[in-house]
Amino acid sequence: MQLTQAHIDELFSFVEGKGIKPFDLQIELVDHLATDIEQVQVLTPTLSFEEALQQVYAKFGRWGFDYLLQKAERNAQKRQEELFWKYFSDFFRWPKAFFTAILALVIWYGYESGWLGSQSCEEWWIAIATIFAVYILYSFYRYYRYKNLPTIAKPPFWFSSLAQIPTWLHFFLGSSAEKFLAKGYPT
């Protein structure tokens, strides 16, 4: 026996009513419930959809979907932490780590010596600006160095705008044709 779309929609509302908000988890649970309900209805065809649903849901035990929801949240949190540390470690690579350390040392030394807190700290700000300028120049150098690597041939950037020509022709000719026909001229 196969479930109808109304049954599937009812399963989605049932799962959401049990507190499952993530859509990917809802899809998995609805798929699992639908498969089990179809199997139960094949074994006992006199069972209604609601009775089969309650029988299948009883297999999840006292806590229902809570265990699955907690597991999905732990997996999402673990993935988020992995991404955070990946991007954190990606940031502190050469040359960013070098320039960040130099800048931190210059600022720290400037405050320790009292020059950054005083009125005559122009030379420290010049040093900090120089570090930023060197880093920016190095970034441009790397960008242009890697930009000129051989790549797959790409069409020019304006080439995609050619696809808009039929739209603009339809827009302008369509509106003028409507005005032309509204005046009663024969076509």
N, C-alpha and C. Protein backbone atom coordinates (compact mmCIF):
# COMPACT_ATOMS: atom_id res chain seq x y z
N MET A 1 0.84 -1.19 0.00
CA MET A 1 0.00 0.00 0.00
C MET A 1 0.88 1.24 0.00
N GLN A 2 0.50 2.19 -0.81
CA GLN A 2 1.28 3.41 -0.94
C GLN A 2 0.52 4.58 -0.32
N LEU A 3 1.26 5.47 0.33
CA LEU A 3 0.65 6.62 0.98
C LEU A 3 0.37 7.72 -0.04
N THR A 4 -0.67 8.48 0.21
CA THR A 4 -1.03 9.59 -0.67
C THR A 4 -0.28 10.84 -0.24
N GLN A 5 -0.39 11.87 -1.07
CA GLN A 5 0.26 13.14 -0.74
C GLN A 5 -0.34 13.74 0.52
N ALA A 6 -1.63 13.54 0.75
CA ALA A 6 -2.26 14.05 1.97
C ALA A 6 -1.67 13.37 3.20
N HIS A 7 -1.39 12.07 3.09
CA HIS A 7 -0.76 11.36 4.20
C HIS A 7 0.65 11.89 4.46
N ILE A 8 1.39 12.14 3.40
CA ILE A 8 2.75 12.67 3.54
C ILE A 8 2.71 14.04 4.21
N ASP A 9 1.76 14.89 3.78
CA ASP A 9 1.62 16.21 4.40
C ASP A 9 1.25 16.08 5.88
N GLU A 10 0.41 15.11 6.19
CA GLU A 10 0.04 14.87 7.58
C GLU A 10 1.25 14.40 8.39
N LEU A 11 2.10 13.59 7.77
CA LEU A 11 3.32 13.15 8.45
C LEU A 11 4.25 14.34 8.72
N PHE A 12 4.37 15.24 7.75
CA PHE A 12 5.20 16.43 7.96
C PHE A 12 4.66 17.27 9.12
N SER A 13 3.34 17.48 9.17
CA SER A 13 2.78 18.26 10.27
C SER A 13 2.91 17.52 11.59
N PHE A 14 2.82 16.18 11.58
CA PHE A 14 3.00 15.38 12.79
C PHE A 14 4.42 15.53 13.33
N VAL A 15 5.40 15.42 12.44
CA VAL A 15 6.81 15.52 12.84
C VAL A 15 7.10 16.93 13.35
N GLU A 16 6.59 17.95 12.66
CA GLU A 16 6.81 19.32 13.10
C GLU A 16 6.11 19.58 14.43
N GLY A 17 4.95 18.97 14.63
CA GLY A 17 4.24 19.11 15.89
C GLY A 17 4.97 18.48 17.07
N LYS A 18 5.83 17.55 16.79
CA LYS A 18 6.63 16.90 17.84
C LYS A 18 7.89 17.70 18.16
N GLY A 19 8.07 18.86 17.53
CA GLY A 19 9.18 19.74 17.87
C GLY A 19 10.39 19.63 16.96
N ILE A 20 10.26 18.96 15.84
CA ILE A 20 11.38 18.82 14.91
C ILE A 20 11.30 19.99 13.92
N LYS A 21 12.22 20.94 14.05
CA LYS A 21 12.22 22.12 13.18
C LYS A 21 13.15 22.00 11.98
N PRO A 22 14.35 21.37 12.11
CA PRO A 22 15.24 21.30 10.94
C PRO A 22 14.60 20.50 9.80
N PHE A 23 14.56 21.11 8.62
CA PHE A 23 13.84 20.50 7.50
C PHE A 23 14.49 19.20 7.04
N ASP A 24 15.82 19.13 7.07
CA ASP A 24 16.47 17.89 6.63
C ASP A 24 16.13 16.74 7.55
N LEU A 25 16.02 17.00 8.84
CA LEU A 25 15.63 15.96 9.79
C LEU A 25 14.16 15.59 9.61
N GLN A 26 13.33 16.58 9.29
CA GLN A 26 11.92 16.29 9.01
C GLN A 26 11.78 15.35 7.83
N ILE A 27 12.55 15.59 6.78
CA ILE A 27 12.48 14.75 5.58
C ILE A 27 12.87 13.32 5.91
N GLU A 28 13.96 13.16 6.67
CA GLU A 28 14.40 11.81 7.02
C GLU A 28 13.37 11.09 7.88
N LEU A 29 12.81 11.80 8.84
CA LEU A 29 11.81 11.17 9.71
C LEU A 29 10.54 10.82 8.96
N VAL A 30 10.09 11.70 8.09
CA VAL A 30 8.88 11.42 7.30
C VAL A 30 9.13 10.22 6.39
N ASP A 31 10.30 10.14 5.79
CA ASP A 31 10.63 8.99 4.95
C ASP A 31 10.63 7.71 5.77
N HIS A 32 11.23 7.76 6.94
CA HIS A 32 11.28 6.58 7.81
C HIS A 32 9.87 6.18 8.27
N LEU A 33 9.09 7.16 8.70
CA LEU A 33 7.73 6.87 9.14
C LEU A 33 6.87 6.33 8.00
N ALA A 34 6.99 6.93 6.83
CA ALA A 34 6.18 6.48 5.69
C ALA A 34 6.52 5.05 5.31
N THR A 35 7.81 4.72 5.30
CA THR A 35 8.21 3.35 4.97
C THR A 35 7.67 2.36 5.99
N ASP A 36 7.79 2.70 7.27
CA ASP A 36 7.29 1.80 8.32
C ASP A 36 5.78 1.68 8.28
N ILE A 37 5.08 2.78 8.02
CA ILE A 37 3.61 2.73 7.95
C ILE A 37 3.16 1.85 6.79
N GLU A 38 3.84 1.99 5.65
CA GLU A 38 3.49 1.12 4.50
C GLU A 38 3.72 -0.34 4.83
N GLN A 39 4.80 -0.65 5.54
CA GLN A 39 5.05 -2.04 5.91
C GLN A 39 4.01 -2.55 6.90
N VAL A 40 3.62 -1.71 7.86
CA VAL A 40 2.61 -2.11 8.84
C VAL A 40 1.27 -2.32 8.15
N GLN A 41 0.93 -1.46 7.21
CA GLN A 41 -0.36 -1.58 6.51
C GLN A 41 -0.38 -2.78 5.56
N VAL A 42 0.79 -3.20 5.08
CA VAL A 42 0.84 -4.41 4.25
C VAL A 42 0.58 -5.64 5.13
N LEU A 43 1.15 -5.64 6.34
CA LEU A 43 0.98 -6.78 7.25
C LEU A 43 -0.44 -6.83 7.82
N THR A 44 -1.00 -5.70 8.16
CA THR A 44 -2.38 -5.63 8.68
C THR A 44 -3.15 -4.59 7.89
N PRO A 45 -3.80 -4.99 6.80
CA PRO A 45 -4.47 -4.02 5.93
C PRO A 45 -5.68 -3.34 6.56
N THR A 46 -6.22 -3.88 7.65
CA THR A 46 -7.40 -3.27 8.26
C THR A 46 -7.04 -2.07 9.13
N LEU A 47 -5.77 -1.85 9.37
CA LEU A 47 -5.31 -0.74 10.20
C LEU A 47 -5.43 0.58 9.43
N SER A 48 -5.97 1.60 10.09
CA SER A 48 -6.07 2.91 9.45
C SER A 48 -4.70 3.60 9.48
N PHE A 49 -4.61 4.69 8.74
CA PHE A 49 -3.35 5.43 8.68
C PHE A 49 -2.96 5.97 10.05
N GLU A 50 -3.92 6.54 10.80
CA GLU A 50 -3.62 7.12 12.10
C GLU A 50 -3.18 6.05 13.09
N GLU A 51 -3.84 4.86 13.06
CA GLU A 51 -3.45 3.78 13.96
C GLU A 51 -2.05 3.27 13.61
N ALA A 52 -1.77 3.16 12.32
CA ALA A 52 -0.44 2.71 11.89
C ALA A 52 0.62 3.73 12.30
N LEU A 53 0.28 5.02 12.20
CA LEU A 53 1.22 6.07 12.60
C LEU A 53 1.52 5.98 14.09
N GLN A 54 0.50 5.79 14.91
CA GLN A 54 0.73 5.68 16.36
C GLN A 54 1.53 4.42 16.70
N GLN A 55 1.28 3.34 15.96
CA GLN A 55 2.03 2.10 16.20
C GLN A 55 3.50 2.29 15.82
N VAL A 56 3.77 2.96 14.73
CA VAL A 56 5.15 3.20 14.30
C VAL A 56 5.83 4.20 15.24
N TYR A 57 5.10 5.23 15.65
CA TYR A 57 5.69 6.22 16.56
C TYR A 57 6.01 5.61 17.92
N ALA A 58 5.26 4.61 18.34
CA ALA A 58 5.52 3.95 19.61
C ALA A 58 6.88 3.25 19.61
N LYS A 59 7.40 2.91 18.42
CA LYS A 59 8.72 2.27 18.33
C LYS A 59 9.83 3.21 18.77
N PHE A 60 9.58 4.51 18.74
CA PHE A 60 10.60 5.47 19.12
C PHE A 60 10.74 5.59 20.64
N GLY A 61 9.88 4.96 21.36
CA GLY A 61 10.01 4.92 22.81
C GLY A 61 9.43 6.13 23.52
N ARG A 62 9.79 6.22 24.78
CA ARG A 62 9.21 7.22 25.66
C ARG A 62 9.55 8.64 25.23
N TRP A 63 10.76 8.87 24.74
CA TRP A 63 11.20 10.22 24.43
C TRP A 63 10.93 10.61 22.98
N GLY A 64 10.39 9.73 22.19
CA GLY A 64 10.02 10.06 20.82
C GLY A 64 11.21 10.46 19.96
N PHE A 65 11.10 11.61 19.34
CA PHE A 65 12.13 12.08 18.42
C PHE A 65 13.23 12.88 19.11
N ASP A 66 13.14 13.04 20.41
CA ASP A 66 14.11 13.89 21.13
C ASP A 66 15.54 13.41 20.94
N TYR A 67 15.75 12.08 20.98
CA TYR A 67 17.10 11.56 20.82
C TYR A 67 17.66 11.93 19.44
N LEU A 68 16.84 11.78 18.40
CA LEU A 68 17.29 12.11 17.05
C LEU A 68 17.56 13.61 16.90
N LEU A 69 16.71 14.42 17.52
CA LEU A 69 16.90 15.87 17.46
C LEU A 69 18.19 16.27 18.16
N GLN A 70 18.45 15.69 19.34
CA GLN A 70 19.69 15.99 20.06
C GLN A 70 20.90 15.53 19.27
N LYS A 71 20.80 14.38 18.65
CA LYS A 71 21.91 13.88 17.84
C LYS A 71 22.18 14.80 16.65
N ALA A 72 21.12 15.26 15.99
CA ALA A 72 21.28 16.17 14.86
C ALA A 72 21.87 17.50 15.32
N GLU A 73 21.45 17.99 16.48
CA GLU A 73 22.01 19.24 17.00
C GLU A 73 23.48 19.08 17.35
N ARG A 74 23.86 17.93 17.93
CA ARG A 74 25.27 17.69 18.24
C ARG A 74 26.10 17.62 16.97
N ASN A 75 25.55 16.94 15.94
CA ASN A 75 26.28 16.87 14.66
C ASN A 75 26.45 18.25 14.04
N ALA A 76 25.40 19.07 14.09
CA ALA A 76 25.48 20.42 13.54
C ALA A 76 26.48 21.27 14.33
N GLN A 77 26.46 21.14 15.66
CA GLN A 77 27.41 21.89 16.48
C GLN A 77 28.84 21.44 16.22
N LYS A 78 29.03 20.12 16.07
CA LYS A 78 30.37 19.60 15.77
C LYS A 78 30.86 20.12 14.43
N ARG A 79 29.98 20.13 13.44
CA ARG A 79 30.36 20.63 12.11
C ARG A 79 30.68 22.12 12.16
N GLN A 80 29.90 22.87 12.95
CA GLN A 80 30.15 24.30 13.08
C GLN A 80 31.50 24.55 13.75
N GLU A 81 31.83 23.78 14.78
CA GLU A 81 33.12 23.93 15.44
C GLU A 81 34.27 23.57 14.49
N GLU A 82 34.09 22.51 13.70
CA GLU A 82 35.12 22.14 12.73
C GLU A 82 35.34 23.25 11.72
N LEU A 83 34.25 23.84 11.23
CA LEU A 83 34.38 24.94 10.27
C LEU A 83 35.05 26.16 10.91
N PHE A 84 34.69 26.46 12.16
CA PHE A 84 35.30 27.59 12.84
C PHE A 84 36.81 27.41 12.93
N TRP A 85 37.25 26.24 13.40
CA TRP A 85 38.69 26.02 13.56
C TRP A 85 39.40 25.93 12.23
N LYS A 86 38.70 25.42 11.21
CA LYS A 86 39.30 25.36 9.87
C LYS A 86 39.55 26.78 9.35
N TYR A 87 38.54 27.64 9.44
CA TYR A 87 38.71 29.02 8.97
C TYR A 87 39.68 29.80 9.85
N PHE A 88 39.67 29.52 11.15
CA PHE A 88 40.60 30.18 12.05
C PHE A 88 42.03 29.82 11.69
N SER A 89 42.29 28.52 11.45
CA SER A 89 43.65 28.10 11.09
C SER A 89 44.01 28.55 9.68
N ASP A 90 43.01 28.63 8.77
CA ASP A 90 43.29 29.13 7.43
C ASP A 90 43.70 30.60 7.45
N PHE A 91 43.16 31.36 8.39
CA PHE A 91 43.51 32.77 8.44
C PHE A 91 44.97 32.96 8.86
N PHE A 92 45.42 32.16 9.82
CA PHE A 92 46.77 32.35 10.35
C PHE A 92 47.78 31.49 9.60
N ARG A 93 47.91 31.76 8.35
CA ARG A 93 48.94 31.17 7.50
C ARG A 93 49.80 32.31 6.96
N TRP A 94 50.91 31.92 6.38
CA TRP A 94 51.79 32.91 5.77
C TRP A 94 51.03 33.63 4.68
N PRO A 95 51.03 34.86 4.51
CA PRO A 95 51.74 35.91 5.23
C PRO A 95 50.89 36.57 6.31
N LYS A 96 49.63 36.17 6.43
CA LYS A 96 48.77 36.85 7.40
C LYS A 96 49.29 36.69 8.82
N ALA A 97 49.76 35.50 9.15
CA ALA A 97 50.26 35.28 10.51
C ALA A 97 51.47 36.17 10.79
N PHE A 98 52.35 36.30 9.83
CA PHE A 98 53.54 37.13 10.01
C PHE A 98 53.16 38.59 10.24
N PHE A 99 52.32 39.12 9.36
CA PHE A 99 51.94 40.53 9.48
C PHE A 99 51.09 40.78 10.72
N THR A 100 50.26 39.83 11.09
CA THR A 100 49.46 39.99 12.31
C THR A 100 50.36 40.01 13.54
N ALA A 101 51.36 39.12 13.58
CA ALA A 101 52.28 39.10 14.72
C ALA A 101 53.10 40.38 14.79
N ILE A 102 53.60 40.84 13.66
CA ILE A 102 54.38 42.09 13.64
C ILE A 102 53.53 43.27 14.10
N LEU A 103 52.31 43.34 13.59
CA LEU A 103 51.42 44.44 13.98
C LEU A 103 51.10 44.37 15.47
N ALA A 104 50.84 43.18 15.98
CA ALA A 104 50.55 43.05 17.41
C ALA A 104 51.75 43.45 18.26
N LEU A 105 52.94 43.04 17.85
CA LEU A 105 54.14 43.42 18.59
C LEU A 105 54.38 44.93 18.56
N VAL A 106 54.17 45.55 17.41
CA VAL A 106 54.36 47.00 17.31
C VAL A 106 53.36 47.73 18.20
N ILE A 107 52.12 47.32 18.18
CA ILE A 107 51.11 47.98 19.02
C ILE A 107 51.41 47.73 20.50
N TRP A 108 51.76 46.50 20.85
CA TRP A 108 52.07 46.19 22.25
C TRP A 108 53.27 47.01 22.74
N TYR A 109 54.32 47.04 21.95
CA TYR A 109 55.51 47.79 22.34
C TYR A 109 55.21 49.28 22.44
N GLY A 110 54.37 49.78 21.54
CA GLY A 110 54.00 51.19 21.57
C GLY A 110 53.25 51.55 22.84
N TYR A 111 52.35 50.69 23.31
CA TYR A 111 51.63 50.96 24.55
C TYR A 111 52.52 50.75 25.77
N GLU A 112 53.40 49.75 25.71
CA GLU A 112 54.30 49.50 26.83
C GLU A 112 55.27 50.68 27.03
N SER A 113 55.74 51.24 25.95
CA SER A 113 56.68 52.36 26.06
C SER A 113 55.96 53.68 26.33
N GLY A 114 54.64 53.69 26.18
CA GLY A 114 53.86 54.89 26.46
C GLY A 114 53.76 55.84 25.29
N TRP A 115 54.28 55.47 24.15
CA TRP A 115 54.27 56.38 23.01
C TRP A 115 52.92 56.40 22.30
N LEU A 116 52.20 55.28 22.29
CA LEU A 116 50.90 55.28 21.61
C LEU A 116 49.84 56.02 22.41
N GLY A 117 50.02 56.08 23.72
CA GLY A 117 49.05 56.80 24.54
C GLY A 117 49.33 58.29 24.63
N SER A 118 50.50 58.71 24.20
CA SER A 118 50.85 60.12 24.30
C SER A 118 50.42 60.88 23.05
N GLN A 119 50.62 62.20 23.12
CA GLN A 119 50.25 63.03 21.99
C GLN A 119 51.24 62.93 20.84
N SER A 120 52.48 62.59 21.13
CA SER A 120 53.51 62.53 20.08
C SER A 120 53.73 61.09 19.63
N CYS A 121 52.71 60.50 19.06
CA CYS A 121 52.82 59.10 18.64
C CYS A 121 52.71 58.96 17.13
N GLU A 122 53.03 60.04 16.40
CA GLU A 122 52.90 59.98 14.95
C GLU A 122 53.79 58.90 14.35
N GLU A 123 54.99 58.70 14.89
CA GLU A 123 55.89 57.71 14.31
C GLU A 123 55.36 56.29 14.51
N TRP A 124 54.63 56.07 15.59
CA TRP A 124 54.05 54.74 15.79
C TRP A 124 52.92 54.49 14.80
N TRP A 125 52.11 55.49 14.59
CA TRP A 125 51.04 55.32 13.61
C TRP A 125 51.62 55.17 12.21
N ILE A 126 52.72 55.81 11.95
CA ILE A 126 53.39 55.63 10.66
C ILE A 126 53.89 54.19 10.53
N ALA A 127 54.42 53.64 11.63
CA ALA A 127 54.88 52.25 11.60
C ALA A 127 53.72 51.30 11.36
N ILE A 128 52.60 51.53 12.01
CA ILE A 128 51.43 50.67 11.84
C ILE A 128 50.89 50.81 10.42
N ALA A 129 50.82 52.02 9.91
CA ALA A 129 50.35 52.24 8.54
C ALA A 129 51.30 51.58 7.54
N THR A 130 52.61 51.61 7.83
CA THR A 130 53.58 50.96 6.94
C THR A 130 53.36 49.45 6.91
N ILE A 131 53.10 48.87 8.06
CA ILE A 131 52.83 47.42 8.10
C ILE A 131 51.59 47.09 7.28
N PHE A 132 50.53 47.88 7.45
CA PHE A 132 49.32 47.65 6.65
C PHE A 132 49.60 47.83 5.16
N ALA A 133 50.35 48.84 4.80
CA ALA A 133 50.66 49.10 3.40
C ALA A 133 51.47 47.97 2.79
N VAL A 134 52.45 47.46 3.55
CA VAL A 134 53.25 46.35 3.04
C VAL A 134 52.36 45.12 2.85
N TYR A 135 51.48 44.88 3.79
CA TYR A 135 50.59 43.72 3.65
C TYR A 135 49.65 43.88 2.45
N ILE A 136 49.13 45.06 2.27
CA ILE A 136 48.23 45.30 1.13
C ILE A 136 48.98 45.14 -0.19
N LEU A 137 50.19 45.68 -0.26
CA LEU A 137 50.99 45.51 -1.48
C LEU A 137 51.30 44.04 -1.73
N TYR A 138 51.64 43.32 -0.68
CA TYR A 138 51.90 41.88 -0.84
C TYR A 138 50.64 41.14 -1.29
N SER A 139 49.47 41.54 -0.77
CA SER A 139 48.21 40.92 -1.20
C SER A 139 47.96 41.16 -2.68
N PHE A 140 48.20 42.40 -3.15
CA PHE A 140 48.04 42.68 -4.57
C PHE A 140 49.02 41.88 -5.40
N TYR A 141 50.25 41.78 -4.94
CA TYR A 141 51.25 41.01 -5.66
C TYR A 141 50.80 39.55 -5.81
N ARG A 142 50.35 38.95 -4.72
CA ARG A 142 49.89 37.55 -4.79
C ARG A 142 48.66 37.40 -5.68
N TYR A 143 47.75 38.37 -5.59
CA TYR A 143 46.54 38.31 -6.41
C TYR A 143 46.90 38.32 -7.89
N TYR A 144 47.73 39.25 -8.30
CA TYR A 144 48.08 39.34 -9.72
C TYR A 144 48.99 38.19 -10.15
N ARG A 145 49.79 37.67 -9.23
CA ARG A 145 50.64 36.54 -9.57
C ARG A 145 49.80 35.30 -9.86
N TYR A 146 48.80 35.05 -9.01
CA TYR A 146 47.96 33.87 -9.21
C TYR A 146 46.85 34.11 -10.21
N LYS A 147 46.50 35.36 -10.45
CA LYS A 147 45.45 35.67 -11.41
C LYS A 147 45.89 35.34 -12.83
N ASN A 148 47.16 35.48 -13.14
CA ASN A 148 47.65 35.27 -14.48
C ASN A 148 48.00 33.81 -14.78
N LEU A 149 47.63 32.90 -13.91
CA LEU A 149 47.87 31.49 -14.20
C LEU A 149 46.98 31.06 -15.36
N PRO A 150 47.43 30.10 -16.16
CA PRO A 150 46.57 29.64 -17.26
C PRO A 150 45.29 29.01 -16.72
N THR A 151 44.19 29.43 -17.27
CA THR A 151 42.89 28.91 -16.85
C THR A 151 42.10 28.51 -18.08
N ILE A 152 40.95 27.95 -17.84
CA ILE A 152 40.05 27.60 -18.93
C ILE A 152 39.55 28.89 -19.56
N ALA A 153 39.45 28.90 -20.88
CA ALA A 153 39.01 30.11 -21.58
C ALA A 153 37.60 30.47 -21.14
N LYS A 154 37.42 31.72 -20.78
CA LYS A 154 36.12 32.21 -20.36
C LYS A 154 35.64 33.23 -21.38
N PRO A 155 34.34 33.30 -21.58
CA PRO A 155 33.83 34.35 -22.46
C PRO A 155 34.00 35.70 -21.78
N PRO A 156 34.01 36.77 -22.55
CA PRO A 156 34.15 38.10 -21.93
C PRO A 156 32.95 38.40 -21.04
N PHE A 157 33.13 39.30 -20.08
CA PHE A 157 32.09 39.57 -19.10
C PHE A 157 30.83 40.14 -19.74
N TRP A 158 30.97 40.85 -20.84
CA TRP A 158 29.81 41.46 -21.47
C TRP A 158 29.01 40.45 -22.28
N PHE A 159 29.56 39.27 -22.49
CA PHE A 159 28.90 38.28 -23.33
C PHE A 159 27.56 37.84 -22.73
N SER A 160 27.47 37.78 -21.42
CA SER A 160 26.22 37.35 -20.79
C SER A 160 25.12 38.39 -20.99
N SER A 161 25.48 39.66 -21.20
CA SER A 161 24.46 40.67 -21.40
C SER A 161 23.78 40.54 -22.76
N LEU A 162 24.40 39.81 -23.69
CA LEU A 162 23.76 39.60 -25.00
C LEU A 162 22.47 38.80 -24.86
N ALA A 163 22.38 38.00 -23.83
CA ALA A 163 21.16 37.21 -23.62
C ALA A 163 19.98 38.11 -23.28
N GLN A 164 20.22 39.34 -22.86
CA GLN A 164 19.15 40.25 -22.50
C GLN A 164 18.56 40.99 -23.70
N ILE A 165 19.20 40.89 -24.86
CA ILE A 165 18.71 41.62 -26.04
C ILE A 165 17.27 41.23 -26.39
N PRO A 166 16.93 39.93 -26.45
CA PRO A 166 15.52 39.62 -26.75
C PRO A 166 14.55 40.17 -25.72
N THR A 167 14.95 40.21 -24.48
CA THR A 167 14.07 40.76 -23.44
C THR A 167 13.84 42.24 -23.67
N TRP A 168 14.91 42.99 -23.95
CA TRP A 168 14.75 44.41 -24.18
C TRP A 168 13.97 44.69 -25.47
N LEU A 169 14.21 43.91 -26.51
CA LEU A 169 13.43 44.09 -27.74
C LEU A 169 11.95 43.84 -27.49
N HIS A 170 11.66 42.79 -26.75
CA HIS A 170 10.27 42.49 -26.43
C HIS A 170 9.67 43.61 -25.58
N PHE A 171 10.46 44.11 -24.64
CA PHE A 171 9.98 45.17 -23.77
C PHE A 171 9.65 46.43 -24.57
N PHE A 172 10.59 46.87 -25.43
CA PHE A 172 10.36 48.11 -26.17
C PHE A 172 9.38 47.92 -27.33
N LEU A 173 9.55 46.85 -28.09
CA LEU A 173 8.64 46.65 -29.22
C LEU A 173 7.26 46.23 -28.75
N GLY A 174 7.22 45.50 -27.65
CA GLY A 174 5.92 45.08 -27.12
C GLY A 174 5.12 46.27 -26.65
N SER A 175 5.75 47.21 -25.96
CA SER A 175 5.02 48.39 -25.46
C SER A 175 4.64 49.31 -26.61
N SER A 176 5.52 49.43 -27.61
CA SER A 176 5.15 50.29 -28.75
C SER A 176 4.07 49.64 -29.59
N ALA A 177 4.10 48.33 -29.68
CA ALA A 177 3.05 47.65 -30.43
C ALA A 177 1.70 47.79 -29.73
N GLU A 178 1.69 47.77 -28.41
CA GLU A 178 0.43 47.96 -27.69
C GLU A 178 -0.12 49.36 -27.94
N LYS A 179 0.76 50.38 -27.93
CA LYS A 179 0.32 51.74 -28.20
C LYS A 179 -0.21 51.86 -29.63
N PHE A 180 0.48 51.20 -30.54
CA PHE A 180 0.09 51.22 -31.94
C PHE A 180 -1.30 50.59 -32.12
N LEU A 181 -1.52 49.46 -31.48
CA LEU A 181 -2.81 48.77 -31.60
C LEU A 181 -3.90 49.49 -30.84
N ALA A 182 -3.56 50.19 -29.78
CA ALA A 182 -4.57 50.91 -28.99
C ALA A 182 -5.14 52.09 -29.77
N LYS A 183 -4.37 52.64 -30.74
CA LYS A 183 -4.86 53.77 -31.53
C LYS A 183 -5.79 53.29 -32.63
N GLY A 184 -5.88 52.00 -32.84
CA GLY A 184 -6.80 51.48 -33.82
C GLY A 184 -6.21 51.28 -35.20
N TYR A 185 -4.90 51.29 -35.32
CA TYR A 185 -4.29 51.08 -36.62
C TYR A 185 -4.39 49.61 -36.97
N PRO A 186 -4.55 49.29 -38.23
CA PRO A 186 -4.58 47.88 -38.61
C PRO A 186 -3.18 47.27 -38.50
N THR A 187 -3.15 45.99 -38.23
CA THR A 187 -1.86 45.31 -38.10
C THR A 187 -1.44 44.72 -39.40
